[in-house]
Every structure is written in structure tokens, then in C-alpha cells.
Amino acid sequence: MKRGFTLIELLVVVLIIGILSAIALPQYTRAVDKARFAEAFINLKNIVQAKKMCELELGKGSSECRNWDNLSVRISDAVGEGDSGMETKDFLYSLYGASERPVAWYKKYDVCICLDDDGEFVGSNSGSTCAEGETPYNVLKMLGIRDVGNQCWMC
């Protein structure tokens, strides 16, 4: 008698592996997004600190503190930097509005986060909540961030 696996046994194993991966993959995607947002939160806090230090040195409301070259913040994975902001692979950072709040826009899901007047993180879904081919879920709800419901640059 030959010893080995039958076709049915192999198909059952492949089916079980497929089911397990279908369950695990969305959880992995969420964990990766949480890690990316954690990095963005740290970067936003660093931008706020750099802006405060610039204002202490040059005076509150100084136009020099709007220029990213004058802010002593350096984001390690920055791919571009200019007067209007700093860009990484996943996020675009900018100062917005009269209060010049730092805003991080997550390119993948068209979601932005920023700090409100109380220093709490808030955000908005400015477009679709998922990129083409991605599993739709509310990134802000997943992160426990209050959705302010405005356009991205109006955080």
C-alpha cells in the first residue's frame, strides 16, 4: 500500500490555510496602519515643539517660523522638504491655517490628523476611506481619533 496524501486531504489543507490568511491579513494591515500613525503622531508633536522653540527665539507670530527650513525638526524618512511642508513615503506634513497647526495627511487613505486647540489629536476623512483594492475601514475610528468632519486641511 502506498503512503501519501490524497488530493482531498491536500485541498482541505490549502482551504484551511486560505481561511486563516483571509482572517489574518486585514488584522496585519490595521496593525501596520496603527504603527504608521504612531510615527506620524510623534512627528506632529516634534513639529509643534520645533515651532514653539522657533517662536521663543524669534517672537510669537514670526513669519520665519512658517518656513520649514527654520524649524529644527528633521523627520528621518523625509523624501522631500520645502517652504510648504515635508513629505515622507506615507505622509505629507504641513502647517495650516491662521493658527498654523501641524497637519499630517496619510496619502494611502486620504485621511488627515492634526492637533486641536487642547493638544488632542483630531482628524477627518477627506475623501474615500480606502485606496483602490484595499479593505475599507474607518482609520480614524480604528485609532480612536475624533473625526472633526471637515476637509483635510481644515483640521
C-alpha atoms as a PDB file:
ATOM      1  CA  MET A   1       0.000   0.000   0.000  1.00  0.00           C
ATOM      2  CA  LYS A   2       1.341   3.461  -0.963  1.00  0.00           C
ATOM      3  CA  ARG A   3       1.683   6.030   1.761  1.00  0.00           C
ATOM      4  CA  GLY A   4       0.951   9.666   0.931  1.00  0.00           C
ATOM      5  CA  PHE A   5      -1.699  12.337   0.872  1.00  0.00           C
ATOM      6  CA  THR A   6      -4.835  12.162  -1.193  1.00  0.00           C
ATOM      7  CA  LEU A   7      -5.987  15.054  -3.327  1.00  0.00           C
ATOM      8  CA  ILE A   8      -8.869  15.733  -0.936  1.00  0.00           C
ATOM      9  CA  GLU A   9      -6.511  15.992   2.042  1.00  0.00           C
ATOM     10  CA  LEU A  10      -4.289  18.457   0.188  1.00  0.00           C
ATOM     11  CA  LEU A  11      -7.290  20.566  -0.855  1.00  0.00           C
ATOM     12  CA  VAL A  12      -8.537  20.667   2.747  1.00  0.00           C
ATOM     13  CA  VAL A  13      -5.127  21.882   3.958  1.00  0.00           C
ATOM     14  CA  VAL A  14      -4.998  24.566   1.235  1.00  0.00           C
ATOM     15  CA  LEU A  15      -8.541  25.651   2.160  1.00  0.00           C
ATOM     16  CA  ILE A  16      -7.643  25.937   5.860  1.00  0.00           C
ATOM     17  CA  ILE A  17      -4.538  27.985   5.053  1.00  0.00           C
ATOM     18  CA  GLY A  18      -6.636  30.251   2.807  1.00  0.00           C
ATOM     19  CA  ILE A  19      -9.216  30.828   5.545  1.00  0.00           C
ATOM     20  CA  LEU A  20      -6.548  31.600   8.139  1.00  0.00           C
ATOM     21  CA  SER A  21      -4.786  34.058   5.842  1.00  0.00           C
ATOM     22  CA  ALA A  22      -8.088  35.779   4.996  1.00  0.00           C
ATOM     23  CA  ILE A  23      -8.634  36.329   8.710  1.00  0.00           C
ATOM     24  CA  ALA A  24      -5.060  37.428   9.490  1.00  0.00           C
ATOM     25  CA  LEU A  25      -4.325  39.773   6.566  1.00  0.00           C
ATOM     26  CA  PRO A  26      -6.784  42.565   7.488  1.00  0.00           C
ATOM     27  CA  GLN A  27      -5.508  42.481  11.071  1.00  0.00           C
ATOM     28  CA  TYR A  28      -1.949  42.825   9.793  1.00  0.00           C
ATOM     29  CA  THR A  29      -2.954  45.795   7.601  1.00  0.00           C
ATOM     30  CA  ARG A  30      -4.577  47.522  10.576  1.00  0.00           C
ATOM     31  CA  ALA A  31      -1.500  46.922  12.734  1.00  0.00           C
ATOM     32  CA  VAL A  32       0.752  48.423  10.048  1.00  0.00           C
ATOM     33  CA  ASP A  33      -1.508  51.481   9.748  1.00  0.00           C
ATOM     34  CA  LYS A  34      -1.502  51.943  13.532  1.00  0.00           C
ATOM     35  CA  ALA A  35       2.291  51.849  13.541  1.00  0.00           C
ATOM     36  CA  ARG A  36       2.488  54.417  10.739  1.00  0.00           C
ATOM     37  CA  PHE A  37       0.089  56.734  12.566  1.00  0.00           C
ATOM     38  CA  ALA A  38       2.068  56.348  15.787  1.00  0.00           C
ATOM     39  CA  GLU A  39       5.106  57.588  13.883  1.00  0.00           C
ATOM     40  CA  ALA A  40       3.059  60.483  12.476  1.00  0.00           C
ATOM     41  CA  PHE A  41       1.850  61.413  15.984  1.00  0.00           C
ATOM     42  CA  ILE A  42       5.440  61.620  17.181  1.00  0.00           C
ATOM     43  CA  ASN A  43       6.408  63.702  14.151  1.00  0.00           C
ATOM     44  CA  LEU A  44       3.489  66.097  14.744  1.00  0.00           C
ATOM     45  CA  LYS A  45       4.499  66.546  18.388  1.00  0.00           C
ATOM     46  CA  ASN A  46       8.092  67.241  17.259  1.00  0.00           C
ATOM     47  CA  ILE A  47       6.869  69.811  14.740  1.00  0.00           C
ATOM     48  CA  VAL A  48       4.841  71.551  17.460  1.00  0.00           C
ATOM     49  CA  GLN A  49       7.893  71.640  19.737  1.00  0.00           C
ATOM     50  CA  ALA A  50      10.118  72.969  16.948  1.00  0.00           C
ATOM     51  CA  LYS A  51       7.575  75.680  16.143  1.00  0.00           C
ATOM     52  CA  LYS A  52       7.353  76.690  19.827  1.00  0.00           C
ATOM     53  CA  MET A  53      11.145  76.870  20.089  1.00  0.00           C
ATOM     54  CA  CYS A  54      11.316  78.993  16.942  1.00  0.00           C
ATOM     55  CA  GLU A  55       8.673  81.348  18.334  1.00  0.00           C
ATOM     56  CA  LEU A  56      10.531  81.637  21.613  1.00  0.00           C
ATOM     57  CA  GLU A  57      13.679  82.567  19.755  1.00  0.00           C
ATOM     58  CA  LEU A  58      12.209  84.857  17.084  1.00  0.00           C
ATOM     59  CA  GLY A  59       8.980  86.029  18.712  1.00  0.00           C
ATOM     60  CA  LYS A  60       5.441  84.704  18.595  1.00  0.00           C
ATOM     61  CA  GLY A  61       3.819  85.019  15.185  1.00  0.00           C
ATOM     62  CA  SER A  62       7.130  85.385  13.377  1.00  0.00           C
ATOM     63  CA  SER A  63       6.792  84.590   9.692  1.00  0.00           C
ATOM     64  CA  GLU A  64      10.180  82.878   9.863  1.00  0.00           C
ATOM     65  CA  CYS A  65       8.594  80.088  11.909  1.00  0.00           C
ATOM     66  CA  ARG A  66       6.369  79.175   8.969  1.00  0.00           C
ATOM     67  CA  ASN A  67       9.396  78.252   6.894  1.00  0.00           C
ATOM     68  CA  TRP A  68      10.318  74.586   7.359  1.00  0.00           C
ATOM     69  CA  ASP A  69      13.992  75.375   6.858  1.00  0.00           C
ATOM     70  CA  ASN A  70      13.927  77.434  10.090  1.00  0.00           C
ATOM     71  CA  LEU A  71      12.261  74.694  12.136  1.00  0.00           C
ATOM     72  CA  SER A  72      14.807  72.446  13.775  1.00  0.00           C
ATOM     73  CA  VAL A  73      12.724  69.327  13.145  1.00  0.00           C
ATOM     74  CA  ARG A  74      14.069  66.612  10.910  1.00  0.00           C
ATOM     75  CA  ILE A  75      11.951  63.595  10.087  1.00  0.00           C
ATOM     76  CA  SER A  76      14.171  60.604   9.460  1.00  0.00           C
ATOM     77  CA  ASP A  77      12.408  59.206   6.399  1.00  0.00           C
ATOM     78  CA  ALA A  78      11.719  62.549   4.701  1.00  0.00           C
ATOM     79  CA  VAL A  79      11.862  62.346   0.915  1.00  0.00           C
ATOM     80  CA  GLY A  80      11.147  65.999   0.272  1.00  0.00           C
ATOM     81  CA  GLU A  81      11.171  69.280   2.129  1.00  0.00           C
ATOM     82  CA  GLY A  82      10.290  72.818   1.209  1.00  0.00           C
ATOM     83  CA  ASP A  83       8.651  76.012   2.376  1.00  0.00           C
ATOM     84  CA  SER A  84       5.181  74.456   2.441  1.00  0.00           C
ATOM     85  CA  GLY A  85       5.949  71.244   4.287  1.00  0.00           C
ATOM     86  CA  MET A  86       7.736  67.950   4.491  1.00  0.00           C
ATOM     87  CA  GLU A  87       6.901  64.712   2.729  1.00  0.00           C
ATOM     88  CA  THR A  88       7.610  61.110   3.642  1.00  0.00           C
ATOM     89  CA  LYS A  89       6.667  57.939   1.820  1.00  0.00           C
ATOM     90  CA  ASP A  90       3.313  57.755   3.611  1.00  0.00           C
ATOM     91  CA  PHE A  91       2.578  61.252   4.939  1.00  0.00           C
ATOM     92  CA  LEU A  92       2.640  64.881   3.887  1.00  0.00           C
ATOM     93  CA  TYR A  93       3.233  67.267   6.806  1.00  0.00           C
ATOM     94  CA  SER A  94       2.227  70.911   6.627  1.00  0.00           C
ATOM     95  CA  LEU A  95       1.351  73.912   8.788  1.00  0.00           C
ATOM     96  CA  TYR A  96      -2.191  75.060   8.067  1.00  0.00           C
ATOM     97  CA  GLY A  97      -4.454  77.961   8.869  1.00  0.00           C
ATOM     98  CA  ALA A  98      -4.115  81.103  10.917  1.00  0.00           C
ATOM     99  CA  SER A  99      -3.066  79.083  13.947  1.00  0.00           C
ATOM    100  CA  GLU A 100      -0.572  77.203  11.771  1.00  0.00           C
ATOM    101  CA  ARG A 101      -1.470  73.833  13.171  1.00  0.00           C
ATOM    102  CA  PRO A 102       0.714  70.969  12.009  1.00  0.00           C
ATOM    103  CA  VAL A 103      -1.253  68.572   9.828  1.00  0.00           C
ATOM    104  CA  ALA A 104      -0.276  65.091   8.666  1.00  0.00           C
ATOM    105  CA  TRP A 105      -2.088  63.773   5.595  1.00  0.00           C
ATOM    106  CA  TYR A 106      -1.980  59.992   5.134  1.00  0.00           C
ATOM    107  CA  LYS A 107      -1.784  59.526   1.377  1.00  0.00           C
ATOM    108  CA  LYS A 108      -2.945  55.902   1.319  1.00  0.00           C
ATOM    109  CA  TYR A 109      -6.425  56.550   2.730  1.00  0.00           C
ATOM    110  CA  ASP A 110      -6.784  60.303   2.138  1.00  0.00           C
ATOM    111  CA  VAL A 111      -7.096  60.940   5.876  1.00  0.00           C
ATOM    112  CA  CYS A 112      -5.560  63.768   7.858  1.00  0.00           C
ATOM    113  CA  ILE A 113      -4.723  64.183  11.509  1.00  0.00           C
ATOM    114  CA  CYS A 114      -3.748  67.254  13.454  1.00  0.00           C
ATOM    115  CA  LEU A 115      -3.808  68.716  16.944  1.00  0.00           C
ATOM    116  CA  ASP A 116      -6.780  70.738  18.155  1.00  0.00           C
ATOM    117  CA  ASP A 117      -6.519  73.729  20.496  1.00  0.00           C
ATOM    118  CA  ASP A 118      -6.415  71.403  23.506  1.00  0.00           C
ATOM    119  CA  GLY A 119      -3.477  69.407  22.104  1.00  0.00           C
ATOM    120  CA  GLU A 120      -5.663  66.378  21.330  1.00  0.00           C
ATOM    121  CA  PHE A 121      -5.398  64.550  18.023  1.00  0.00           C
ATOM    122  CA  VAL A 122      -8.370  65.006  15.717  1.00  0.00           C
ATOM    123  CA  GLY A 123      -8.811  64.104  12.082  1.00  0.00           C
ATOM    124  CA  SER A 124     -11.026  63.977   9.043  1.00  0.00           C
ATOM    125  CA  ASN A 125     -11.731  61.628   6.205  1.00  0.00           C
ATOM    126  CA  SER A 126     -11.418  64.000   3.304  1.00  0.00           C
ATOM    127  CA  GLY A 127     -12.067  61.505   0.553  1.00  0.00           C
ATOM    128  CA  SER A 128     -12.545  57.802   0.276  1.00  0.00           C
ATOM    129  CA  THR A 129     -11.549  55.819   3.320  1.00  0.00           C
ATOM    130  CA  CYS A 130      -9.650  53.254   1.284  1.00  0.00           C
ATOM    131  CA  ALA A 131      -7.411  53.134  -1.734  1.00  0.00           C
ATOM    132  CA  GLU A 132      -8.266  51.004  -4.732  1.00  0.00           C
ATOM    133  CA  GLY A 133      -8.130  47.328  -3.878  1.00  0.00           C
ATOM    134  CA  GLU A 134      -7.831  47.937  -0.121  1.00  0.00           C
ATOM    135  CA  THR A 135     -10.172  46.699   2.575  1.00  0.00           C
ATOM    136  CA  PRO A 136     -12.485  49.588   3.578  1.00  0.00           C
ATOM    137  CA  TYR A 137     -12.489  50.545   7.227  1.00  0.00           C
ATOM    138  CA  ASN A 138     -12.602  53.784   9.131  1.00  0.00           C
ATOM    139  CA  VAL A 139      -8.989  54.605  10.013  1.00  0.00           C
ATOM    140  CA  LEU A 140      -9.924  57.353  12.469  1.00  0.00           C
ATOM    141  CA  LYS A 141     -12.355  55.106  14.349  1.00  0.00           C
ATOM    142  CA  MET A 142      -9.759  52.343  14.457  1.00  0.00           C
ATOM    143  CA  LEU A 143      -7.246  54.755  16.007  1.00  0.00           C
ATOM    144  CA  GLY A 144      -9.777  56.270  18.413  1.00  0.00           C
ATOM    145  CA  ILE A 145      -9.408  59.745  16.898  1.00  0.00           C
ATOM    146  CA  ARG A 146     -12.343  62.155  16.936  1.00  0.00           C
ATOM    147  CA  ASP A 147     -13.481  62.905  13.382  1.00  0.00           C
ATOM    148  CA  VAL A 148     -13.962  66.661  13.053  1.00  0.00           C
ATOM    149  CA  GLY A 149     -15.750  66.179   9.743  1.00  0.00           C
ATOM    150  CA  ASN A 150     -14.012  68.965   7.850  1.00  0.00           C
ATOM    151  CA  GLN A 151     -11.855  68.892   4.784  1.00  0.00           C
ATOM    152  CA  CYS A 152      -8.361  67.559   5.326  1.00  0.00           C
ATOM    153  CA  TRP A 153      -6.536  70.871   5.529  1.00  0.00           C
ATOM    154  CA  MET A 154      -9.169  72.322   7.842  1.00  0.00           C
ATOM    155  CA  CYS A 155      -8.349  70.133  10.869  1.00  0.00           C
END
